């Protein structure tokens, strides 16, 4: 029953890390609303992923996960996630609205999230 914004990232992805402050601001802007921000790391190892939390501003954030099988994941393959950062937006009904959603620093993503919240 919530809008979900998914951010595919990795510790070695400089554009991913550069975008994290904008992501935090976007997340904070929707605090208390029916929006969940999920971070899916495509790092190869658990230690790379955990070692980058502070730099990625994700220390202590609940919805931060490592994709254990990124190279063989059906989610990754079916949605052709061939580059990162990459963003998905899901509606309250759980259906994928955008598989190439705008980045967190754009005004466009705010408009899309706001529209999804109204549905």
PDB file of N, CA and C in Angstrom:
ATOM      1  N   UNK A   1       0.785  -1.196   0.000  1.00  0.00           N
ATOM      2  CA  UNK A   1       0.000   0.000   0.000  1.00  0.00           C
ATOM      3  C   UNK A   1       0.834   1.270   0.000  1.00  0.00           C
ATOM      4  N   UNK A   2       2.127   1.170  -0.337  1.00  0.00           N
ATOM      5  CA  UNK A   2       2.987   2.357  -0.359  1.00  0.00           C
ATOM      6  C   UNK A   2       3.650   2.493  -1.725  1.00  0.00           C
ATOM      7  N   UNK A   3       4.009   3.709  -2.056  1.00  0.00           N
ATOM      8  CA  UNK A   3       4.826   3.977  -3.237  1.00  0.00           C
ATOM      9  C   UNK A   3       6.249   3.575  -2.870  1.00  0.00           C
ATOM     10  N   UNK A   4       6.943   2.914  -3.790  1.00  0.00           N
ATOM     11  CA  UNK A   4       8.301   2.452  -3.516  1.00  0.00           C
ATOM     12  C   UNK A   4       9.247   2.975  -4.592  1.00  0.00           C
ATOM     13  N   UNK A   5      10.299   3.641  -4.143  1.00  0.00           N
ATOM     14  CA  UNK A   5      11.349   4.142  -5.025  1.00  0.00           C
ATOM     15  C   UNK A   5      12.583   3.295  -4.759  1.00  0.00           C
ATOM     16  N   UNK A   6      13.054   2.600  -5.790  1.00  0.00           N
ATOM     17  CA  UNK A   6      14.185   1.685  -5.650  1.00  0.00           C
ATOM     18  C   UNK A   6      15.406   2.292  -6.322  1.00  0.00           C
ATOM     19  N   UNK A   7      16.506   2.277  -5.608  1.00  0.00           N
ATOM     20  CA  UNK A   7      17.773   2.823  -6.085  1.00  0.00           C
ATOM     21  C   UNK A   7      18.770   1.671  -6.175  1.00  0.00           C
ATOM     22  N   UNK A   8      19.188   1.325  -7.398  1.00  0.00           N
ATOM     23  CA  UNK A   8      20.240   0.340  -7.620  1.00  0.00           C
ATOM     24  C   UNK A   8      21.564   1.096  -7.596  1.00  0.00           C
ATOM     25  N   UNK A   9      22.488   0.638  -6.771  1.00  0.00           N
ATOM     26  CA  UNK A   9      23.751   1.325  -6.600  1.00  0.00           C
ATOM     27  C   UNK A   9      24.846   0.336  -6.247  1.00  0.00           C
ATOM     28  N   UNK A  10      26.081   0.820  -6.098  1.00  0.00           N
ATOM     29  CA  UNK A  10      27.205  -0.005  -5.647  1.00  0.00           C
ATOM     30  C   UNK A  10      28.288   0.912  -5.086  1.00  0.00           C
ATOM     31  N   UNK A  11      29.123   0.357  -4.248  1.00  0.00           N
ATOM     32  CA  UNK A  11      30.179   1.134  -3.591  1.00  0.00           C
ATOM     33  C   UNK A  11      31.197   1.685  -4.577  1.00  0.00           C
ATOM     34  N   UNK A  12      31.386   1.028  -5.697  1.00  0.00           N
ATOM     35  CA  UNK A  12      32.371   1.440  -6.687  1.00  0.00           C
ATOM     36  C   UNK A  12      31.807   2.431  -7.713  1.00  0.00           C
ATOM     37  N   UNK A  13      30.530   2.725  -7.617  1.00  0.00           N
ATOM     38  CA  UNK A  13      29.848   3.588  -8.586  1.00  0.00           C
ATOM     39  C   UNK A  13      29.888   5.039  -8.116  1.00  0.00           C
ATOM     40  N   UNK A  14      30.778   5.818  -8.687  1.00  0.00           N
ATOM     41  CA  UNK A  14      30.939   7.208  -8.267  1.00  0.00           C
ATOM     42  C   UNK A  14      29.656   8.015  -8.479  1.00  0.00           C
ATOM     43  N   UNK A  15      28.976   7.920  -9.640  1.00  0.00           N
ATOM     44  CA  UNK A  15      27.718   8.670  -9.783  1.00  0.00           C
ATOM     45  C   UNK A  15      26.665   8.253  -8.747  1.00  0.00           C
ATOM     46  N   UNK A  16      26.665   6.984  -8.359  1.00  0.00           N
ATOM     47  CA  UNK A  16      25.730   6.517  -7.328  1.00  0.00           C
ATOM     48  C   UNK A  16      25.996   7.244  -6.015  1.00  0.00           C
ATOM     49  N   UNK A  17      27.250   7.277  -5.617  1.00  0.00           N
ATOM     50  CA  UNK A  17      27.621   7.903  -4.352  1.00  0.00           C
ATOM     51  C   UNK A  17      27.411   9.416  -4.403  1.00  0.00           C
ATOM     52  N   UNK A  18      27.682  10.032  -5.546  1.00  0.00           N
ATOM     53  CA  UNK A  18      27.477  11.468  -5.684  1.00  0.00           C
ATOM     54  C   UNK A  18      25.997  11.832  -5.571  1.00  0.00           C
ATOM     55  N   UNK A  19      25.118  10.900  -5.959  1.00  0.00           N
ATOM     56  CA  UNK A  19      23.682  11.157  -5.908  1.00  0.00           C
ATOM     57  C   UNK A  19      23.043  10.901  -4.552  1.00  0.00           C
ATOM     58  N   UNK A  20      23.763  10.291  -3.642  1.00  0.00           N
ATOM     59  CA  UNK A  20      23.174   9.926  -2.353  1.00  0.00           C
ATOM     60  C   UNK A  20      22.701  11.126  -1.516  1.00  0.00           C
ATOM     61  N   UNK A  21      23.413  12.245  -1.481  1.00  0.00           N
ATOM     62  CA  UNK A  21      22.872  13.381  -0.720  1.00  0.00           C
ATOM     63  C   UNK A  21      21.494  13.823  -1.245  1.00  0.00           C
ATOM     64  N   UNK A  22      21.319  13.817  -2.563  1.00  0.00           N
ATOM     65  CA  UNK A  22      20.009  14.152  -3.141  1.00  0.00           C
ATOM     66  C   UNK A  22      18.972  13.116  -2.758  1.00  0.00           C
ATOM     67  N   UNK A  23      19.378  11.873  -2.716  1.00  0.00           N
ATOM     68  CA  UNK A  23      18.463  10.807  -2.336  1.00  0.00           C
ATOM     69  C   UNK A  23      18.007  10.966  -0.884  1.00  0.00           C
ATOM     70  N   UNK A  24      18.937  11.334  -0.026  1.00  0.00           N
ATOM     71  CA  UNK A  24      18.597  11.549   1.390  1.00  0.00           C
ATOM     72  C   UNK A  24      17.598  12.709   1.510  1.00  0.00           C
ATOM     73  N   UNK A  25      17.846  13.793   0.778  1.00  0.00           N
ATOM     74  CA  UNK A  25      16.917  14.938   0.819  1.00  0.00           C
ATOM     75  C   UNK A  25      15.533  14.543   0.312  1.00  0.00           C
ATOM     76  N   UNK A  26      15.488  13.756  -0.768  1.00  0.00           N
ATOM     77  CA  UNK A  26      14.209  13.295  -1.306  1.00  0.00           C
ATOM     78  C   UNK A  26      13.497  12.427  -0.273  1.00  0.00           C
ATOM     79  N   UNK A  27      14.226  11.499   0.314  1.00  0.00           N
ATOM     80  CA  UNK A  27      13.672  10.606   1.332  1.00  0.00           C
ATOM     81  C   UNK A  27      13.133  11.397   2.517  1.00  0.00           C
ATOM     82  N   UNK A  28      13.900  12.355   2.976  1.00  0.00           N
ATOM     83  CA  UNK A  28      13.461  13.175   4.107  1.00  0.00           C
ATOM     84  C   UNK A  28      12.237  14.014   3.747  1.00  0.00           C
ATOM     85  N   UNK A  29      12.139  14.431   2.502  1.00  0.00           N
ATOM     86  CA  UNK A  29      10.999  15.219   2.055  1.00  0.00           C
ATOM     87  C   UNK A  29       9.690  14.444   2.061  1.00  0.00           C
ATOM     88  N   UNK A  30       9.790  13.123   1.992  1.00  0.00           N
ATOM     89  CA  UNK A  30       8.593  12.282   2.015  1.00  0.00           C
ATOM     90  C   UNK A  30       8.435  11.539   3.339  1.00  0.00           C
ATOM     91  N   UNK A  31       9.186  11.950   4.330  1.00  0.00           N
ATOM     92  CA  UNK A  31       9.079  11.339   5.652  1.00  0.00           C
ATOM     93  C   UNK A  31       7.649  11.479   6.175  1.00  0.00           C
ATOM     94  N   UNK A  32       7.104  10.397   6.683  1.00  0.00           N
ATOM     95  CA  UNK A  32       5.747  10.411   7.218  1.00  0.00           C
ATOM     96  C   UNK A  32       4.674  10.199   6.170  1.00  0.00           C
ATOM     97  N   UNK A  33       5.074  10.071   4.920  1.00  0.00           N
ATOM     98  CA  UNK A  33       4.117   9.819   3.838  1.00  0.00           C
ATOM     99  C   UNK A  33       4.244   8.361   3.406  1.00  0.00           C
ATOM    100  N   UNK A  34       3.324   7.917   2.593  1.00  0.00           N
ATOM    101  CA  UNK A  34       3.302   6.512   2.165  1.00  0.00           C
ATOM    102  C   UNK A  34       4.299   6.234   1.036  1.00  0.00           C
ATOM    103  N   UNK A  35       5.559   6.540   1.304  1.00  0.00           N
ATOM    104  CA  UNK A  35       6.631   6.301   0.338  1.00  0.00           C
ATOM    105  C   UNK A  35       7.759   5.585   1.067  1.00  0.00           C
ATOM    106  N   UNK A  36       8.277   4.547   0.437  1.00  0.00           N
ATOM    107  CA  UNK A  36       9.421   3.809   0.984  1.00  0.00           C
ATOM    108  C   UNK A  36      10.555   3.904  -0.030  1.00  0.00           C
ATOM    109  N   UNK A  37      11.745   4.173   0.457  1.00  0.00           N
ATOM    110  CA  UNK A  37      12.942   4.233  -0.373  1.00  0.00           C
ATOM    111  C   UNK A  37      13.762   2.978  -0.081  1.00  0.00           C
ATOM    112  N   UNK A  38      14.059   2.221  -1.134  1.00  0.00           N
ATOM    113  CA  UNK A  38      14.794   0.964  -1.004  1.00  0.00           C
ATOM    114  C   UNK A  38      16.086   1.082  -1.802  1.00  0.00           C
ATOM    115  N   UNK A  39      17.178   0.708  -1.171  1.00  0.00           N
ATOM    116  CA  UNK A  39      18.491   0.756  -1.806  1.00  0.00           C
ATOM    117  C   UNK A  39      18.981  -0.667  -2.018  1.00  0.00           C
ATOM    118  N   UNK A  40      19.249  -1.026  -3.278  1.00  0.00           N
ATOM    119  CA  UNK A  40      19.710  -2.371  -3.624  1.00  0.00           C
ATOM    120  C   UNK A  40      21.121  -2.275  -4.178  1.00  0.00           C
ATOM    121  N   UNK A  41      22.066  -2.776  -3.413  1.00  0.00           N
ATOM    122  CA  UNK A  41      23.467  -2.719  -3.809  1.00  0.00           C
ATOM    123  C   UNK A  41      23.816  -3.883  -4.727  1.00  0.00           C
ATOM    124  N   UNK A  42      24.562  -3.559  -5.754  1.00  0.00           N
ATOM    125  CA  UNK A  42      25.040  -4.569  -6.694  1.00  0.00           C
ATOM    126  C   UNK A  42      26.513  -4.899  -6.450  1.00  0.00           C
ATOM    127  N   UNK A  43      26.980  -4.625  -5.226  1.00  0.00           N
ATOM    128  CA  UNK A  43      28.358  -4.964  -4.877  1.00  0.00           C
ATOM    129  C   UNK A  43      28.569  -6.468  -4.932  1.00  0.00           C
ATOM    130  N   UNK A  44      29.803  -6.857  -5.180  1.00  0.00           N
ATOM    131  CA  UNK A  44      30.134  -8.275  -5.288  1.00  0.00           C
ATOM    132  C   UNK A  44      30.234  -8.962  -3.934  1.00  0.00           C
ATOM    133  N   UNK A  45      30.591  -8.184  -2.900  1.00  0.00           N
ATOM    134  CA  UNK A  45      30.774  -8.808  -1.596  1.00  0.00           C
ATOM    135  C   UNK A  45      30.033  -8.046  -0.505  1.00  0.00           C
ATOM    136  N   UNK A  46      29.721  -8.771   0.532  1.00  0.00           N
ATOM    137  CA  UNK A  46      29.072  -8.203   1.705  1.00  0.00           C
ATOM    138  C   UNK A  46      29.954  -7.120   2.339  1.00  0.00           C
ATOM    139  N   UNK A  47      31.251  -7.354   2.371  1.00  0.00           N
ATOM    140  CA  UNK A  47      32.156  -6.384   2.999  1.00  0.00           C
ATOM    141  C   UNK A  47      32.252  -5.095   2.189  1.00  0.00           C
ATOM    142  N   UNK A  48      32.228  -5.184   0.855  1.00  0.00           N
ATOM    143  CA  UNK A  48      32.225  -3.969   0.029  1.00  0.00           C
ATOM    144  C   UNK A  48      30.966  -3.153   0.296  1.00  0.00           C
ATOM    145  N   UNK A  49      29.830  -3.842   0.333  1.00  0.00           N
ATOM    146  CA  UNK A  49      28.545  -3.193   0.570  1.00  0.00           C
ATOM    147  C   UNK A  49      28.521  -2.528   1.954  1.00  0.00           C
ATOM    148  N   UNK A  50      28.803  -3.291   2.993  1.00  0.00           N
ATOM    149  CA  UNK A  50      28.771  -2.751   4.352  1.00  0.00           C
ATOM    150  C   UNK A  50      29.829  -1.676   4.567  1.00  0.00           C
ATOM    151  N   UNK A  51      30.967  -1.828   3.911  1.00  0.00           N
ATOM    152  CA  UNK A  51      32.046  -0.857   4.049  1.00  0.00           C
ATOM    153  C   UNK A  51      31.736   0.490   3.418  1.00  0.00           C
ATOM    154  N   UNK A  52      30.707   0.557   2.604  1.00  0.00           N
ATOM    155  CA  UNK A  52      30.383   1.805   1.911  1.00  0.00           C
ATOM    156  C   UNK A  52      29.179   2.527   2.498  1.00  0.00           C
ATOM    157  N   UNK A  53      28.562   1.977   3.532  1.00  0.00           N
ATOM    158  CA  UNK A  53      27.347   2.576   4.093  1.00  0.00           C
ATOM    159  C   UNK A  53      27.542   4.025   4.503  1.00  0.00           C
ATOM    160  N   UNK A  54      28.653   4.310   5.196  1.00  0.00           N
ATOM    161  CA  UNK A  54      28.858   5.674   5.668  1.00  0.00           C
ATOM    162  C   UNK A  54      29.002   6.639   4.494  1.00  0.00           C
ATOM    163  N   UNK A  55      29.829   6.260   3.517  1.00  0.00           N
ATOM    164  CA  UNK A  55      30.039   7.098   2.344  1.00  0.00           C
ATOM    165  C   UNK A  55      28.734   7.283   1.557  1.00  0.00           C
ATOM    166  N   UNK A  56      27.895   6.245   1.552  1.00  0.00           N
ATOM    167  CA  UNK A  56      26.627   6.290   0.824  1.00  0.00           C
ATOM    168  C   UNK A  56      25.492   6.901   1.653  1.00  0.00           C
ATOM    169  N   UNK A  57      25.799   7.328   2.858  1.00  0.00           N
ATOM    170  CA  UNK A  57      24.803   7.938   3.758  1.00  0.00           C
ATOM    171  C   UNK A  57      23.665   6.974   4.092  1.00  0.00           C
ATOM    172  N   UNK A  58      23.991   5.698   4.196  1.00  0.00           N
ATOM    173  CA  UNK A  58      22.991   4.666   4.468  1.00  0.00           C
ATOM    174  C   UNK A  58      23.189   3.959   5.804  1.00  0.00           C
ATOM    175  N   UNK A  59      24.133   4.411   6.603  1.00  0.00           N
ATOM    176  CA  UNK A  59      24.365   3.789   7.903  1.00  0.00           C
ATOM    177  C   UNK A  59      23.075   3.829   8.722  1.00  0.00           C
ATOM    178  N   UNK A  60      22.641   2.664   9.142  1.00  0.00           N
ATOM    179  CA  UNK A  60      21.445   2.569   9.973  1.00  0.00           C
ATOM    180  C   UNK A  60      20.134   2.652   9.216  1.00  0.00           C
ATOM    181  N   UNK A  61      20.186   2.831   7.894  1.00  0.00           N
ATOM    182  CA  UNK A  61      18.938   2.910   7.133  1.00  0.00           C
ATOM    183  C   UNK A  61      18.378   1.508   6.935  1.00  0.00           C
ATOM    184  N   UNK A  62      17.134   1.317   7.268  1.00  0.00           N
ATOM    185  CA  UNK A  62      16.494   0.004   7.316  1.00  0.00           C
ATOM    186  C   UNK A  62      16.367  -0.697   5.956  1.00  0.00           C
ATOM    187  N   UNK A  63      16.071   0.041   4.914  1.00  0.00           N
ATOM    188  CA  UNK A  63      15.776  -0.578   3.617  1.00  0.00           C
ATOM    189  C   UNK A  63      16.975  -0.495   2.674  1.00  0.00           C
ATOM    190  N   UNK A  64      18.068  -1.064   3.105  1.00  0.00           N
ATOM    191  CA  UNK A  64      19.333  -1.075   2.382  1.00  0.00           C
ATOM    192  C   UNK A  64      19.769  -2.531   2.289  1.00  0.00           C
ATOM    193  N   UNK A  65      19.803  -3.066   1.066  1.00  0.00           N
ATOM    194  CA  UNK A  65      20.032  -4.503   0.891  1.00  0.00           C
ATOM    195  C   UNK A  65      21.107  -4.772  -0.150  1.00  0.00           C
ATOM    196  N   UNK A  66      21.781  -5.889   0.014  1.00  0.00           N
ATOM    197  CA  UNK A  66      22.742  -6.377  -0.970  1.00  0.00           C
ATOM    198  C   UNK A  66      22.050  -7.429  -1.824  1.00  0.00           C
ATOM    199  N   UNK A  67      22.141  -7.280  -3.136  1.00  0.00           N
ATOM    200  CA  UNK A  67      21.617  -8.313  -4.037  1.00  0.00           C
ATOM    201  C   UNK A  67      22.665  -9.417  -4.065  1.00  0.00           C
ATOM    202  N   UNK A  68      22.342 -10.538  -3.472  1.00  0.00           N
ATOM    203  CA  UNK A  68      23.318 -11.614  -3.325  1.00  0.00           C
ATOM    204  C   UNK A  68      23.697 -12.263  -4.650  1.00  0.00           C
ATOM    205  N   UNK A  69      22.798 -12.234  -5.586  1.00  0.00           N
ATOM    206  CA  UNK A  69      23.029 -12.911  -6.859  1.00  0.00           C
ATOM    207  C   UNK A  69      22.875 -11.940  -8.028  1.00  0.00           C
ATOM    208  N   UNK A  70      23.474 -10.767  -7.929  1.00  0.00           N
ATOM    209  CA  UNK A  70      23.271  -9.719  -8.939  1.00  0.00           C
ATOM    210  C   UNK A  70      23.565 -10.202 -10.349  1.00  0.00           C
ATOM    211  N   UNK A  71      24.565 -11.044 -10.523  1.00  0.00           N
ATOM    212  CA  UNK A  71      24.923 -11.496 -11.875  1.00  0.00           C
ATOM    213  C   UNK A  71      23.918 -12.473 -12.467  1.00  0.00           C
ATOM    214  N   UNK A  72      23.110 -13.112 -11.626  1.00  0.00           N
ATOM    215  CA  UNK A  72      22.127 -14.064 -12.145  1.00  0.00           C
ATOM    216  C   UNK A  72      20.692 -13.742 -11.732  1.00  0.00           C
ATOM    217  N   UNK A  73      20.479 -12.613 -11.090  1.00  0.00           N
ATOM    218  CA  UNK A  73      19.160 -12.231 -10.590  1.00  0.00           C
ATOM    219  C   UNK A  73      18.152 -12.070 -11.729  1.00  0.00           C
ATOM    220  N   UNK A  74      16.995 -12.680 -11.575  1.00  0.00           N
ATOM    221  CA  UNK A  74      15.949 -12.534 -12.594  1.00  0.00           C
ATOM    222  C   UNK A  74      15.446 -11.085 -12.636  1.00  0.00           C
ATOM    223  N   UNK A  75      15.380 -10.426 -11.492  1.00  0.00           N
ATOM    224  CA  UNK A  75      14.973  -9.017 -11.462  1.00  0.00           C
ATOM    225  C   UNK A  75      15.908  -8.178 -12.325  1.00  0.00           C
ATOM    226  N   UNK A  76      17.191  -8.400 -12.175  1.00  0.00           N
ATOM    227  CA  UNK A  76      18.196  -7.652 -12.931  1.00  0.00           C
ATOM    228  C   UNK A  76      18.104  -7.992 -14.416  1.00  0.00           C
ATOM    229  N   UNK A  77      18.012  -9.273 -14.728  1.00  0.00           N
ATOM    230  CA  UNK A  77      17.965  -9.703 -16.133  1.00  0.00           C
ATOM    231  C   UNK A  77      16.682  -9.277 -16.825  1.00  0.00           C
ATOM    232  N   UNK A  78      15.539  -9.514 -16.206  1.00  0.00           N
ATOM    233  CA  UNK A  78      14.250  -9.202 -16.837  1.00  0.00           C
ATOM    234  C   UNK A  78      14.058  -7.711 -17.052  1.00  0.00           C
ATOM    235  N   UNK A  79      14.622  -6.905 -16.184  1.00  0.00           N
ATOM    236  CA  UNK A  79      14.476  -5.457 -16.314  1.00  0.00           C
ATOM    237  C   UNK A  79      15.691  -4.797 -16.957  1.00  0.00           C
ATOM    238  N   UNK A  80      16.611  -5.607 -17.419  1.00  0.00           N
ATOM    239  CA  UNK A  80      17.793  -5.137 -18.149  1.00  0.00           C
ATOM    240  C   UNK A  80      18.532  -4.027 -17.397  1.00  0.00           C
ATOM    241  N   UNK A  81      18.822  -4.301 -16.127  1.00  0.00           N
ATOM    242  CA  UNK A  81      19.591  -3.355 -15.325  1.00  0.00           C
ATOM    243  C   UNK A  81      21.060  -3.569 -15.689  1.00  0.00           C
ATOM    244  N   UNK A  82      21.498  -2.799 -16.675  1.00  0.00           N
ATOM    245  CA  UNK A  82      22.857  -2.953 -17.195  1.00  0.00           C
ATOM    246  C   UNK A  82      23.775  -1.820 -16.768  1.00  0.00           C
ATOM    247  N   UNK A  83      23.203  -0.818 -16.127  1.00  0.00           N
ATOM    248  CA  UNK A  83      23.996   0.312 -15.667  1.00  0.00           C
ATOM    249  C   UNK A  83      23.399   0.800 -14.340  1.00  0.00           C
ATOM    250  N   UNK A  84      24.245   1.454 -13.566  1.00  0.00           N
ATOM    251  CA  UNK A  84      23.784   2.085 -12.336  1.00  0.00           C
ATOM    252  C   UNK A  84      24.425   3.464 -12.269  1.00  0.00           C
ATOM    253  N   UNK A  85      23.834   4.418 -11.594  1.00  0.00           N
ATOM    254  CA  UNK A  85      22.597   4.276 -10.839  1.00  0.00           C
ATOM    255  C   UNK A  85      21.396   4.068 -11.765  1.00  0.00           C
ATOM    256  N   UNK A  86      20.446   3.359 -11.234  1.00  0.00           N
ATOM    257  CA  UNK A  86      19.195   3.072 -11.942  1.00  0.00           C
ATOM    258  C   UNK A  86      18.084   3.076 -10.904  1.00  0.00           C
ATOM    259  N   UNK A  87      16.931   3.560 -11.296  1.00  0.00           N
ATOM    260  CA  UNK A  87      15.844   3.756 -10.349  1.00  0.00           C
ATOM    261  C   UNK A  87      14.547   3.174 -10.880  1.00  0.00           C
ATOM    262  N   UNK A  88      13.804   2.539  -9.995  1.00  0.00           N
ATOM    263  CA  UNK A  88      12.469   2.022 -10.295  1.00  0.00           C
ATOM    264  C   UNK A  88      11.483   2.762  -9.404  1.00  0.00           C
ATOM    265  N   UNK A  89      10.268   2.922  -9.912  1.00  0.00           N
ATOM    266  CA  UNK A  89       9.192   3.487  -9.111  1.00  0.00           C
ATOM    267  C   UNK A  89       7.997   2.550  -9.204  1.00  0.00           C
ATOM    268  N   UNK A  90       7.532   2.104  -8.044  1.00  0.00           N
ATOM    269  CA  UNK A  90       6.373   1.221  -7.946  1.00  0.00           C
ATOM    270  C   UNK A  90       5.215   1.986  -7.324  1.00  0.00           C
ATOM    271  N   UNK A  91       4.000   1.699  -7.819  1.00  0.00           N
ATOM    272  CA  UNK A  91       2.811   2.310  -7.261  1.00  0.00           C
ATOM    273  C   UNK A  91       2.364   1.605  -6.002  1.00  0.00           C
ATOM    274  N   UNK A  92       1.340   2.169  -5.364  1.00  0.00           N
ATOM    275  CA  UNK A  92       0.811   1.586  -4.124  1.00  0.00           C
ATOM    276  C   UNK A  92       0.269   0.185  -4.338  1.00  0.00           C
ATOM    277  N   UNK A  93      -0.084  -0.138  -5.570  1.00  0.00           N
ATOM    278  CA  UNK A  93      -0.612  -1.461  -5.890  1.00  0.00           C
ATOM    279  C   UNK A  93       0.493  -2.485  -6.138  1.00  0.00           C
ATOM    280  N   UNK A  94       1.760  -2.061  -6.018  1.00  0.00           N
ATOM    281  CA  UNK A  94       2.891  -2.952  -6.215  1.00  0.00           C
ATOM    282  C   UNK A  94       3.323  -3.091  -7.661  1.00  0.00           C
ATOM    283  N   UNK A  95       2.631  -2.417  -8.568  1.00  0.00           N
ATOM    284  CA  UNK A  95       2.983  -2.509  -9.989  1.00  0.00           C
ATOM    285  C   UNK A  95       4.071  -1.500 -10.327  1.00  0.00           C
ATOM    286  N   UNK A  96       4.977  -1.943 -11.186  1.00  0.00           N
ATOM    287  CA  UNK A  96       6.073  -1.102 -11.633  1.00  0.00           C
ATOM    288  C   UNK A  96       5.526   0.025 -12.510  1.00  0.00           C
ATOM    289  N   UNK A  97       5.773   1.256 -12.109  1.00  0.00           N
ATOM    290  CA  UNK A  97       5.339   2.417 -12.877  1.00  0.00           C
ATOM    291  C   UNK A  97       6.428   2.831 -13.862  1.00  0.00           C
ATOM    292  N   UNK A  98       7.679   2.881 -13.378  1.00  0.00           N
ATOM    293  CA  UNK A  98       8.814   3.292 -14.210  1.00  0.00           C
ATOM    294  C   UNK A  98      10.010   2.405 -13.905  1.00  0.00           C
ATOM    295  N   UNK A  99      10.575   1.788 -14.939  1.00  0.00           N
ATOM    296  CA  UNK A  99      11.781   0.994 -14.730  1.00  0.00           C
ATOM    297  C   UNK A  99      13.041   1.812 -15.022  1.00  0.00           C
ATOM    298  N   UNK A 100      12.855   3.053 -15.440  1.00  0.00           N
ATOM    299  CA  UNK A 100      13.957   4.000 -15.626  1.00  0.00           C
ATOM    300  C   UNK A 100      13.494   5.338 -15.054  1.00  0.00           C
ATOM    301  N   UNK A 101      13.139   5.305 -13.781  1.00  0.00           N
ATOM    302  CA  UNK A 101      12.622   6.493 -13.114  1.00  0.00           C
ATOM    303  C   UNK A 101      13.707   7.565 -13.024  1.00  0.00           C
ATOM    304  N   UNK A 102      13.281   8.816 -12.930  1.00  0.00           N
ATOM    305  CA  UNK A 102      14.252   9.907 -12.802  1.00  0.00           C
ATOM    306  C   UNK A 102      15.070   9.796 -11.518  1.00  0.00           C
ATOM    307  N   UNK A 103      16.239  10.394 -11.561  1.00  0.00           N
ATOM    308  CA  UNK A 103      17.151  10.406 -10.417  1.00  0.00           C
ATOM    309  C   UNK A 103      16.576  11.274  -9.291  1.00  0.00           C
ATOM    310  N   UNK A 104      17.046  11.053  -8.058  1.00  0.00           N
ATOM    311  CA  UNK A 104      16.491  11.760  -6.908  1.00  0.00           C
ATOM    312  C   UNK A 104      16.685  13.273  -6.917  1.00  0.00           C
ATOM    313  N   UNK A 105      17.645  13.767  -7.664  1.00  0.00           N
ATOM    314  CA  UNK A 105      17.869  15.216  -7.672  1.00  0.00           C
ATOM    315  C   UNK A 105      16.937  15.971  -8.620  1.00  0.00           C
ATOM    316  N   UNK A 106      16.095  15.265  -9.363  1.00  0.00           N
ATOM    317  CA  UNK A 106      15.231  15.911 -10.347  1.00  0.00           C
ATOM    318  C   UNK A 106      13.878  16.304  -9.759  1.00  0.00           C
ATOM    319  N   UNK A 107      13.308  17.346 -10.327  1.00  0.00           N
ATOM    320  CA  UNK A 107      11.936  17.730  -9.957  1.00  0.00           C
ATOM    321  C   UNK A 107      10.943  16.711 -10.499  1.00  0.00           C
ATOM    322  N   UNK A 108      11.310  16.076 -11.607  1.00  0.00           N
ATOM    323  CA  UNK A 108      10.416  15.112 -12.248  1.00  0.00           C
ATOM    324  C   UNK A 108      10.065  13.948 -11.319  1.00  0.00           C
ATOM    325  N   UNK A 109      11.027  13.461 -10.540  1.00  0.00           N
ATOM    326  CA  UNK A 109      10.716  12.325  -9.662  1.00  0.00           C
ATOM    327  C   UNK A 109       9.734  12.739  -8.575  1.00  0.00           C
ATOM    328  N   UNK A 110       9.830  13.955  -8.106  1.00  0.00           N
ATOM    329  CA  UNK A 110       8.870  14.432  -7.102  1.00  0.00           C
ATOM    330  C   UNK A 110       7.455  14.458  -7.675  1.00  0.00           C
ATOM    331  N   UNK A 111       7.329  14.920  -8.916  1.00  0.00           N
ATOM    332  CA  UNK A 111       6.015  14.947  -9.579  1.00  0.00           C
ATOM    333  C   UNK A 111       5.458  13.528  -9.722  1.00  0.00           C
ATOM    334  N   UNK A 112       6.312  12.595 -10.125  1.00  0.00           N
ATOM    335  CA  UNK A 112       5.867  11.210 -10.317  1.00  0.00           C
ATOM    336  C   UNK A 112       5.461  10.561  -8.985  1.00  0.00           C
ATOM    337  N   UNK A 113       6.242  10.807  -7.949  1.00  0.00           N
ATOM    338  CA  UNK A 113       5.899  10.255  -6.632  1.00  0.00           C
ATOM    339  C   UNK A 113       4.587  10.859  -6.140  1.00  0.00           C
ATOM    340  N   UNK A 114       4.451  12.178  -6.298  1.00  0.00           N
ATOM    341  CA  UNK A 114       3.210  12.837  -5.877  1.00  0.00           C
ATOM    342  C   UNK A 114       1.998  12.276  -6.619  1.00  0.00           C
ATOM    343  N   UNK A 115       2.136  12.054  -7.925  1.00  0.00           N
ATOM    344  CA  UNK A 115       1.038  11.471  -8.706  1.00  0.00           C
ATOM    345  C   UNK A 115       0.707  10.069  -8.218  1.00  0.00           C
ATOM    346  N   UNK A 116       1.748   9.274  -7.944  1.00  0.00           N
ATOM    347  CA  UNK A 116       1.549   7.903  -7.479  1.00  0.00           C
ATOM    348  C   UNK A 116       0.860   7.881  -6.107  1.00  0.00           C
ATOM    349  N   UNK A 117       1.159   8.851  -5.278  1.00  0.00           N
ATOM    350  CA  UNK A 117       0.530   8.919  -3.955  1.00  0.00           C
ATOM    351  C   UNK A 117      -0.971   9.199  -4.049  1.00  0.00           C
ATOM    352  N   UNK A 118      -1.387   9.882  -5.113  1.00  0.00           N
ATOM    353  CA  UNK A 118      -2.805  10.222  -5.290  1.00  0.00           C
ATOM    354  C   UNK A 118      -3.643   9.060  -5.799  1.00  0.00           C
ATOM    355  N   UNK A 119      -2.991   8.060  -6.340  1.00  0.00           N
ATOM    356  CA  UNK A 119      -3.731   6.922  -6.926  1.00  0.00           C
ATOM    357  C   UNK A 119      -4.104   5.904  -5.882  1.00  0.00           C
TER     358      UNK A 119
END
